[in-house]
Amino acid sequence: MDTLRSQRWRERRALWATDFRTINPRAYTADFIDHVVARSFIAEHHYLPTYPAAQVAVGLFGRRAALEGVAVFAVPATDAVITRHTGFTDPAKGCVLARLILLDSVPQNGESFFCARAFRLLRRARPAIEAVVSYSDPEAGHIGRVYAALSGAHRGTTRPRTVLRVGDRTISDRTLSKIRLGERGMDGAIDQIVRLGLPRPGLRESPGAWLHRLQAECLLTRHRHLGLFTYCFELTRDARRHGRALPRLPYPKLLPAA
């Protein structure tokens, strides 16, 4: 379904903005927030409840100083995310907008209002960062309308890949890697999957064997994901110069339901 209303999230449920008015800039403010606060908000409301390798977290506050939105700028999975989509050879000049969420209580146009102010705060906190890469997931109903409203450059779609899911919840590659390789943070990664309702590893069961058993019992299922839309926000004149040779494609649209 295509709609002009803004999709929002609350308690991990997809909703629509309940206020048909556009946002009043004098009624909302954006400011830095502690990662503990951002992590709790994301875990409670976002459809991807895990917290990324964050650099800067920004909150959106309403009239009663209540937290109604969070943006998290994070370290990318690989340096190539930045160099490929920004044109900079130094990956430290970019980051990813890893989480963006507003509650359904925020009026229309809240996303573009919030993002614009979050970018300013990011530049204040990390002036070396000149570009931001972000993704939108069409399978979750996101095609990046807010990114188009902010004139983000649409770079294309990531390659299709096979992911593992618990129900309709995708388990990140990083979470699975920590478990398979026994890396630091493995216990937390196992807890994350267990919290989704899956059994813990057996007493003498290795983490890798546990993942294999969950797949064999169809508790972890394979899903072919067709890819994410990729956007880049060039925050400085130098970033715009570096991005000139990179693709700037037409903005994607949701196909009408069959």
C-alpha atoms as a PDB file:
ATOM      1  CA  MET A   1       0.000   0.000   0.000  1.00  0.00           C
ATOM      2  CA  ASP A   2       1.290   3.452  -0.908  1.00  0.00           C
ATOM      3  CA  THR A   3       0.387   6.334   1.380  1.00  0.00           C
ATOM      4  CA  LEU A   4       1.294   9.928   2.026  1.00  0.00           C
ATOM      5  CA  ARG A   5       1.251   9.324   5.770  1.00  0.00           C
ATOM      6  CA  SER A   6       4.555   8.769   7.552  1.00  0.00           C
ATOM      7  CA  GLN A   7       5.361   5.258   8.699  1.00  0.00           C
ATOM      8  CA  ARG A   8       6.456   5.091  12.328  1.00  0.00           C
ATOM      9  CA  TRP A   9       7.270   2.493  14.966  1.00  0.00           C
ATOM     10  CA  ARG A  10       6.212   1.893  18.555  1.00  0.00           C
ATOM     11  CA  GLU A  11       7.021  -1.205  20.579  1.00  0.00           C
ATOM     12  CA  ARG A  12       8.426  -2.774  17.372  1.00  0.00           C
ATOM     13  CA  ARG A  13       5.077  -2.435  15.573  1.00  0.00           C
ATOM     14  CA  ALA A  14       4.743  -0.590  12.271  1.00  0.00           C
ATOM     15  CA  LEU A  15       2.284   2.282  12.654  1.00  0.00           C
ATOM     16  CA  TRP A  16       1.387   5.522  10.883  1.00  0.00           C
ATOM     17  CA  ALA A  17       1.720   9.045  12.206  1.00  0.00           C
ATOM     18  CA  THR A  18      -1.450   9.813  14.162  1.00  0.00           C
ATOM     19  CA  ASP A  19      -1.128  13.577  13.728  1.00  0.00           C
ATOM     20  CA  PHE A  20      -2.054  14.766  10.223  1.00  0.00           C
ATOM     21  CA  ARG A  21      -0.575  18.221  10.814  1.00  0.00           C
ATOM     22  CA  THR A  22       2.992  19.029   9.818  1.00  0.00           C
ATOM     23  CA  ILE A  23       5.524  19.350  12.595  1.00  0.00           C
ATOM     24  CA  ASN A  24       5.806  22.673  14.433  1.00  0.00           C
ATOM     25  CA  PRO A  25       9.559  23.439  14.643  1.00  0.00           C
ATOM     26  CA  ARG A  26       9.032  25.446  17.831  1.00  0.00           C
ATOM     27  CA  ALA A  27       7.469  22.466  19.591  1.00  0.00           C
ATOM     28  CA  TYR A  28      10.377  20.058  19.041  1.00  0.00           C
ATOM     29  CA  THR A  29      14.102  20.102  19.724  1.00  0.00           C
ATOM     30  CA  ALA A  30      16.975  17.767  18.886  1.00  0.00           C
ATOM     31  CA  ASP A  31      19.952  17.168  21.153  1.00  0.00           C
ATOM     32  CA  PHE A  32      22.674  14.676  21.951  1.00  0.00           C
ATOM     33  CA  ILE A  33      21.646  11.740  24.139  1.00  0.00           C
ATOM     34  CA  ASP A  34      23.607   9.118  26.020  1.00  0.00           C
ATOM     35  CA  HIS A  35      24.075   5.776  24.311  1.00  0.00           C
ATOM     36  CA  VAL A  36      22.397   4.016  27.231  1.00  0.00           C
ATOM     37  CA  VAL A  37      19.236   6.050  26.598  1.00  0.00           C
ATOM     38  CA  ALA A  38      19.404   5.506  22.829  1.00  0.00           C
ATOM     39  CA  ARG A  39      20.000   1.770  23.246  1.00  0.00           C
ATOM     40  CA  SER A  40      16.972   1.409  25.517  1.00  0.00           C
ATOM     41  CA  PHE A  41      14.724   3.356  23.119  1.00  0.00           C
ATOM     42  CA  ILE A  42      15.875   1.308  20.120  1.00  0.00           C
ATOM     43  CA  ALA A  43      15.394  -1.986  21.979  1.00  0.00           C
ATOM     44  CA  GLU A  44      11.860  -1.011  22.977  1.00  0.00           C
ATOM     45  CA  HIS A  45      10.581   0.422  19.698  1.00  0.00           C
ATOM     46  CA  HIS A  46      12.717  -0.313  16.617  1.00  0.00           C
ATOM     47  CA  TYR A  47      12.059  -3.303  14.353  1.00  0.00           C
ATOM     48  CA  LEU A  48      15.843  -3.901  14.521  1.00  0.00           C
ATOM     49  CA  PRO A  49      16.255  -3.838  18.311  1.00  0.00           C
ATOM     50  CA  THR A  50      20.028  -4.366  18.426  1.00  0.00           C
ATOM     51  CA  TYR A  51      22.309  -1.371  18.994  1.00  0.00           C
ATOM     52  CA  PRO A  52      24.994  -0.660  16.373  1.00  0.00           C
ATOM     53  CA  ALA A  53      28.629   0.360  16.873  1.00  0.00           C
ATOM     54  CA  ALA A  54      27.501   3.895  17.621  1.00  0.00           C
ATOM     55  CA  GLN A  55      29.508   7.086  17.367  1.00  0.00           C
ATOM     56  CA  VAL A  56      26.841   9.735  18.027  1.00  0.00           C
ATOM     57  CA  ALA A  57      23.242   9.415  19.231  1.00  0.00           C
ATOM     58  CA  VAL A  58      20.673  12.207  18.858  1.00  0.00           C
ATOM     59  CA  GLY A  59      17.215  12.413  20.388  1.00  0.00           C
ATOM     60  CA  LEU A  60      14.047  14.256  19.340  1.00  0.00           C
ATOM     61  CA  PHE A  61      12.161  15.841  22.233  1.00  0.00           C
ATOM     62  CA  GLY A  62       8.569  17.066  22.232  1.00  0.00           C
ATOM     63  CA  ARG A  63       6.719  19.742  24.181  1.00  0.00           C
ATOM     64  CA  ARG A  64       6.903  17.888  27.483  1.00  0.00           C
ATOM     65  CA  ALA A  65      10.592  17.072  26.989  1.00  0.00           C
ATOM     66  CA  ALA A  66       9.635  13.457  26.263  1.00  0.00           C
ATOM     67  CA  LEU A  67      11.929  11.461  23.985  1.00  0.00           C
ATOM     68  CA  GLU A  68       9.974  10.760  20.773  1.00  0.00           C
ATOM     69  CA  GLY A  69      12.708   9.824  18.312  1.00  0.00           C
ATOM     70  CA  VAL A  70      16.303   8.655  18.025  1.00  0.00           C
ATOM     71  CA  ALA A  71      18.972   8.800  15.323  1.00  0.00           C
ATOM     72  CA  VAL A  72      22.163   6.784  15.716  1.00  0.00           C
ATOM     73  CA  PHE A  73      25.267   7.445  13.627  1.00  0.00           C
ATOM     74  CA  ALA A  74      27.601   4.467  13.618  1.00  0.00           C
ATOM     75  CA  VAL A  75      30.754   2.879  12.283  1.00  0.00           C
ATOM     76  CA  PRO A  76      30.047   1.023   9.008  1.00  0.00           C
ATOM     77  CA  ALA A  77      30.422  -2.742   8.714  1.00  0.00           C
ATOM     78  CA  THR A  78      33.409  -2.194   6.389  1.00  0.00           C
ATOM     79  CA  ASP A  79      35.415   0.822   5.225  1.00  0.00           C
ATOM     80  CA  ALA A  80      34.226   0.094   1.677  1.00  0.00           C
ATOM     81  CA  VAL A  81      30.735   1.320   2.603  1.00  0.00           C
ATOM     82  CA  ILE A  82      32.147   4.832   2.924  1.00  0.00           C
ATOM     83  CA  THR A  83      34.688   4.819   0.106  1.00  0.00           C
ATOM     84  CA  ARG A  84      32.256   3.264  -2.394  1.00  0.00           C
ATOM     85  CA  HIS A  85      29.353   5.617  -1.764  1.00  0.00           C
ATOM     86  CA  THR A  86      31.025   8.911  -0.825  1.00  0.00           C
ATOM     87  CA  GLY A  87      34.074   9.051  -3.104  1.00  0.00           C
ATOM     88  CA  PHE A  88      36.391   9.735  -0.163  1.00  0.00           C
ATOM     89  CA  THR A  89      39.462   7.519   0.074  1.00  0.00           C
ATOM     90  CA  ASP A  90      39.610   8.105   3.826  1.00  0.00           C
ATOM     91  CA  PRO A  91      36.761   6.129   5.471  1.00  0.00           C
ATOM     92  CA  ALA A  92      37.019   8.307   8.586  1.00  0.00           C
ATOM     93  CA  LYS A  93      35.287  11.062   6.606  1.00  0.00           C
ATOM     94  CA  GLY A  94      32.007   9.145   6.643  1.00  0.00           C
ATOM     95  CA  CYS A  95      29.670   7.166   8.865  1.00  0.00           C
ATOM     96  CA  VAL A  96      26.323   5.399   8.561  1.00  0.00           C
ATOM     97  CA  LEU A  97      22.923   6.449   9.831  1.00  0.00           C
ATOM     98  CA  ALA A  98      22.322   3.035  11.377  1.00  0.00           C
ATOM     99  CA  ARG A  99      19.042   3.715  13.171  1.00  0.00           C
ATOM    100  CA  LEU A 100      16.340   6.321  12.610  1.00  0.00           C
ATOM    101  CA  ILE A 101      13.042   6.033  14.438  1.00  0.00           C
ATOM    102  CA  LEU A 102      10.169   8.333  15.375  1.00  0.00           C
ATOM    103  CA  LEU A 103       7.135   7.403  17.413  1.00  0.00           C
ATOM    104  CA  ASP A 104       3.677   7.723  15.889  1.00  0.00           C
ATOM    105  CA  SER A 105       2.999  10.775  18.083  1.00  0.00           C
ATOM    106  CA  VAL A 106       5.347  12.949  15.977  1.00  0.00           C
ATOM    107  CA  PRO A 107       3.463  14.951  13.299  1.00  0.00           C
ATOM    108  CA  GLN A 108       4.055  14.718   9.545  1.00  0.00           C
ATOM    109  CA  ASN A 109       7.448  15.837   8.154  1.00  0.00           C
ATOM    110  CA  GLY A 110       9.019  14.914  11.490  1.00  0.00           C
ATOM    111  CA  GLU A 111      11.657  12.744   9.838  1.00  0.00           C
ATOM    112  CA  SER A 112      13.102  15.448   7.595  1.00  0.00           C
ATOM    113  CA  PHE A 113      12.961  17.990  10.445  1.00  0.00           C
ATOM    114  CA  PHE A 114      14.779  15.607  12.773  1.00  0.00           C
ATOM    115  CA  CYS A 115      17.366  14.368  10.263  1.00  0.00           C
ATOM    116  CA  ALA A 116      18.401  17.883   9.248  1.00  0.00           C
ATOM    117  CA  ARG A 117      19.068  18.799  12.876  1.00  0.00           C
ATOM    118  CA  ALA A 118      20.732  15.474  13.633  1.00  0.00           C
ATOM    119  CA  PHE A 119      23.174  16.056  10.759  1.00  0.00           C
ATOM    120  CA  ARG A 120      24.089  19.463  12.220  1.00  0.00           C
ATOM    121  CA  LEU A 121      24.715  17.913  15.626  1.00  0.00           C
ATOM    122  CA  LEU A 122      26.794  15.151  14.054  1.00  0.00           C
ATOM    123  CA  ARG A 123      29.006  17.740  12.363  1.00  0.00           C
ATOM    124  CA  ARG A 124      29.372  19.585  15.656  1.00  0.00           C
ATOM    125  CA  ALA A 125      30.402  16.428  17.517  1.00  0.00           C
ATOM    126  CA  ARG A 126      32.503  14.896  14.711  1.00  0.00           C
ATOM    127  CA  PRO A 127      33.617  17.662  12.317  1.00  0.00           C
ATOM    128  CA  ALA A 128      35.838  15.213  10.424  1.00  0.00           C
ATOM    129  CA  ILE A 129      32.716  13.389   9.194  1.00  0.00           C
ATOM    130  CA  GLU A 130      31.548  14.992   5.938  1.00  0.00           C
ATOM    131  CA  ALA A 131      29.184  12.375   4.499  1.00  0.00           C
ATOM    132  CA  VAL A 132      26.598   9.935   5.815  1.00  0.00           C
ATOM    133  CA  VAL A 133      25.507   6.680   4.156  1.00  0.00           C
ATOM    134  CA  SER A 134      22.127   5.180   4.969  1.00  0.00           C
ATOM    135  CA  TYR A 135      19.987   2.290   3.806  1.00  0.00           C
ATOM    136  CA  SER A 136      16.257   1.740   3.527  1.00  0.00           C
ATOM    137  CA  ASP A 137      14.664  -1.689   3.533  1.00  0.00           C
ATOM    138  CA  PRO A 138      11.713  -2.037   1.126  1.00  0.00           C
ATOM    139  CA  GLU A 139      10.751  -5.326   2.793  1.00  0.00           C
ATOM    140  CA  ALA A 140      10.041  -3.329   5.968  1.00  0.00           C
ATOM    141  CA  GLY A 141       8.057  -0.739   3.996  1.00  0.00           C
ATOM    142  CA  HIS A 142      10.915   1.769   3.775  1.00  0.00           C
ATOM    143  CA  ILE A 143      11.941   3.202   0.408  1.00  0.00           C
ATOM    144  CA  GLY A 144      13.673   6.359   1.687  1.00  0.00           C
ATOM    145  CA  ARG A 145      11.102   9.112   1.169  1.00  0.00           C
ATOM    146  CA  VAL A 146      12.676  11.144   3.959  1.00  0.00           C
ATOM    147  CA  TYR A 147      16.074  10.766   2.298  1.00  0.00           C
ATOM    148  CA  ALA A 148      14.638  12.029  -0.984  1.00  0.00           C
ATOM    149  CA  ALA A 149      13.081  14.987   0.865  1.00  0.00           C
ATOM    150  CA  LEU A 150      16.560  15.835   2.164  1.00  0.00           C
ATOM    151  CA  SER A 151      18.085  15.493  -1.346  1.00  0.00           C
ATOM    152  CA  GLY A 152      20.129  12.448  -0.422  1.00  0.00           C
ATOM    153  CA  ALA A 153      21.867  10.857  -3.407  1.00  0.00           C
ATOM    154  CA  HIS A 154      20.346   7.490  -4.300  1.00  0.00           C
ATOM    155  CA  ARG A 155      23.316   5.281  -5.121  1.00  0.00           C
ATOM    156  CA  GLY A 156      21.446   2.092  -6.029  1.00  0.00           C
ATOM    157  CA  THR A 157      20.503  -1.224  -4.411  1.00  0.00           C
ATOM    158  CA  THR A 158      22.720  -3.592  -2.479  1.00  0.00           C
ATOM    159  CA  ARG A 159      23.188  -7.113  -3.803  1.00  0.00           C
ATOM    160  CA  PRO A 160      20.545  -9.715  -2.951  1.00  0.00           C
ATOM    161  CA  ARG A 161      21.649 -12.008  -0.126  1.00  0.00           C
ATOM    162  CA  THR A 162      20.392 -14.858   1.986  1.00  0.00           C
ATOM    163  CA  VAL A 163      19.717 -14.029   5.632  1.00  0.00           C
ATOM    164  CA  LEU A 164      18.643 -16.036   8.660  1.00  0.00           C
ATOM    165  CA  ARG A 165      15.418 -15.112  10.414  1.00  0.00           C
ATOM    166  CA  VAL A 166      13.465 -15.891  13.540  1.00  0.00           C
ATOM    167  CA  GLY A 167       9.918 -15.446  12.302  1.00  0.00           C
ATOM    168  CA  ASP A 168      10.087 -12.147  10.421  1.00  0.00           C
ATOM    169  CA  ARG A 169      13.087 -10.869  12.438  1.00  0.00           C
ATOM    170  CA  THR A 170      16.408 -10.921  10.569  1.00  0.00           C
ATOM    171  CA  ILE A 171      19.504 -11.877  12.566  1.00  0.00           C
ATOM    172  CA  SER A 172      22.411  -9.654  11.573  1.00  0.00           C
ATOM    173  CA  ASP A 173      25.492 -11.158   9.951  1.00  0.00           C
ATOM    174  CA  ARG A 174      27.627  -9.630  12.708  1.00  0.00           C
ATOM    175  CA  THR A 175      25.598 -11.371  15.422  1.00  0.00           C
ATOM    176  CA  LEU A 176      25.952 -14.723  13.658  1.00  0.00           C
ATOM    177  CA  SER A 177      29.664 -14.165  13.061  1.00  0.00           C
ATOM    178  CA  LYS A 178      30.319 -13.553  16.756  1.00  0.00           C
ATOM    179  CA  ILE A 179      28.645 -16.865  17.581  1.00  0.00           C
ATOM    180  CA  ARG A 180      30.271 -18.941  14.841  1.00  0.00           C
ATOM    181  CA  LEU A 181      33.780 -17.595  15.489  1.00  0.00           C
ATOM    182  CA  GLY A 182      33.513 -17.394  19.280  1.00  0.00           C
ATOM    183  CA  GLU A 183      34.377 -13.698  19.211  1.00  0.00           C
ATOM    184  CA  ARG A 184      34.045 -11.170  21.997  1.00  0.00           C
ATOM    185  CA  GLY A 185      30.356 -10.432  22.523  1.00  0.00           C
ATOM    186  CA  MET A 186      29.307 -13.993  21.665  1.00  0.00           C
ATOM    187  CA  ASP A 187      27.327 -14.436  24.898  1.00  0.00           C
ATOM    188  CA  GLY A 188      25.347 -11.272  24.198  1.00  0.00           C
ATOM    189  CA  ALA A 189      24.704 -12.422  20.631  1.00  0.00           C
ATOM    190  CA  ILE A 190      23.364 -15.753  21.902  1.00  0.00           C
ATOM    191  CA  ASP A 191      21.159 -13.921  24.423  1.00  0.00           C
ATOM    192  CA  GLN A 192      19.758 -11.790  21.605  1.00  0.00           C
ATOM    193  CA  ILE A 193      18.559 -14.877  19.735  1.00  0.00           C
ATOM    194  CA  VAL A 194      17.256 -16.549  22.898  1.00  0.00           C
ATOM    195  CA  ARG A 195      15.187 -13.440  23.697  1.00  0.00           C
ATOM    196  CA  LEU A 196      13.358 -14.046  20.408  1.00  0.00           C
ATOM    197  CA  GLY A 197      12.006 -17.282  21.860  1.00  0.00           C
ATOM    198  CA  LEU A 198      14.623 -19.835  20.765  1.00  0.00           C
ATOM    199  CA  PRO A 199      16.187 -22.396  23.148  1.00  0.00           C
ATOM    200  CA  ARG A 200      19.647 -21.900  24.600  1.00  0.00           C
ATOM    201  CA  PRO A 201      22.599 -24.083  23.541  1.00  0.00           C
ATOM    202  CA  GLY A 202      22.801 -27.444  25.261  1.00  0.00           C
ATOM    203  CA  LEU A 203      25.263 -28.014  28.105  1.00  0.00           C
ATOM    204  CA  ARG A 204      27.942 -29.577  25.866  1.00  0.00           C
ATOM    205  CA  GLU A 205      26.768 -28.040  22.560  1.00  0.00           C
ATOM    206  CA  SER A 206      29.164 -25.733  20.724  1.00  0.00           C
ATOM    207  CA  PRO A 207      27.758 -22.378  19.534  1.00  0.00           C
ATOM    208  CA  GLY A 208      28.262 -23.382  15.887  1.00  0.00           C
ATOM    209  CA  ALA A 209      26.472 -26.689  16.384  1.00  0.00           C
ATOM    210  CA  TRP A 210      23.673 -24.822  18.168  1.00  0.00           C
ATOM    211  CA  LEU A 211      23.108 -22.557  15.147  1.00  0.00           C
ATOM    212  CA  HIS A 212      23.143 -25.589  12.853  1.00  0.00           C
ATOM    213  CA  ARG A 213      20.524 -27.331  15.043  1.00  0.00           C
ATOM    214  CA  LEU A 214      18.274 -24.252  15.069  1.00  0.00           C
ATOM    215  CA  GLN A 215      18.319 -24.262  11.261  1.00  0.00           C
ATOM    216  CA  ALA A 216      17.735 -28.023  11.053  1.00  0.00           C
ATOM    217  CA  GLU A 217      14.702 -27.631  13.336  1.00  0.00           C
ATOM    218  CA  CYS A 218      13.440 -24.697  11.198  1.00  0.00           C
ATOM    219  CA  LEU A 219      13.644 -22.328  14.160  1.00  0.00           C
ATOM    220  CA  LEU A 220      16.163 -20.251  12.192  1.00  0.00           C
ATOM    221  CA  THR A 221      14.974 -20.016   8.584  1.00  0.00           C
ATOM    222  CA  ARG A 222      16.713 -18.855   5.419  1.00  0.00           C
ATOM    223  CA  HIS A 223      15.247 -15.903   3.540  1.00  0.00           C
ATOM    224  CA  ARG A 224      16.367 -14.390   0.233  1.00  0.00           C
ATOM    225  CA  HIS A 225      16.517 -10.620   0.695  1.00  0.00           C
ATOM    226  CA  LEU A 226      16.406  -8.664  -2.572  1.00  0.00           C
ATOM    227  CA  GLY A 227      18.558  -5.790  -1.328  1.00  0.00           C
ATOM    228  CA  LEU A 228      18.502  -2.405   0.386  1.00  0.00           C
ATOM    229  CA  PHE A 229      18.242   1.026  -1.225  1.00  0.00           C
ATOM    230  CA  THR A 230      21.447   2.984  -0.585  1.00  0.00           C
ATOM    231  CA  TYR A 231      21.637   6.741  -0.015  1.00  0.00           C
ATOM    232  CA  CYS A 232      24.423   9.217   0.638  1.00  0.00           C
ATOM    233  CA  PHE A 233      24.140  12.612   2.304  1.00  0.00           C
ATOM    234  CA  GLU A 234      26.923  14.979   1.300  1.00  0.00           C
ATOM    235  CA  LEU A 235      27.183  17.384   4.239  1.00  0.00           C
ATOM    236  CA  THR A 236      29.993  19.657   2.985  1.00  0.00           C
ATOM    237  CA  ARG A 237      31.126  21.275  -0.231  1.00  0.00           C
ATOM    238  CA  ASP A 238      34.101  18.910  -0.365  1.00  0.00           C
ATOM    239  CA  ALA A 239      31.783  15.911   0.013  1.00  0.00           C
ATOM    240  CA  ARG A 240      29.644  17.131  -2.887  1.00  0.00           C
ATOM    241  CA  ARG A 241      32.790  17.526  -4.990  1.00  0.00           C
ATOM    242  CA  HIS A 242      33.927  13.969  -4.220  1.00  0.00           C
ATOM    243  CA  GLY A 243      30.473  12.605  -5.008  1.00  0.00           C
ATOM    244  CA  ARG A 244      30.130  14.138  -8.464  1.00  0.00           C
ATOM    245  CA  ALA A 245      31.425  11.069 -10.292  1.00  0.00           C
ATOM    246  CA  LEU A 246      29.194   8.638  -8.366  1.00  0.00           C
ATOM    247  CA  PRO A 247      25.670   7.510  -9.355  1.00  0.00           C
ATOM    248  CA  ARG A 248      22.734   9.730  -8.487  1.00  0.00           C
ATOM    249  CA  LEU A 249      19.778   7.611  -9.516  1.00  0.00           C
ATOM    250  CA  PRO A 250      16.031   8.343  -9.599  1.00  0.00           C
ATOM    251  CA  TYR A 251      14.366   7.787  -6.251  1.00  0.00           C
ATOM    252  CA  PRO A 252      12.672   4.395  -5.881  1.00  0.00           C
ATOM    253  CA  LYS A 253       8.930   3.953  -5.525  1.00  0.00           C
ATOM    254  CA  LEU A 254       6.866   1.260  -3.866  1.00  0.00           C
ATOM    255  CA  LEU A 255       5.093  -0.954  -6.347  1.00  0.00           C
ATOM    256  CA  PRO A 256       1.306  -1.108  -5.900  1.00  0.00           C
ATOM    257  CA  ALA A 257       0.023  -4.182  -4.140  1.00  0.00           C
ATOM    258  CA  ALA A 258      -1.062  -7.015  -6.443  1.00  0.00           C
END
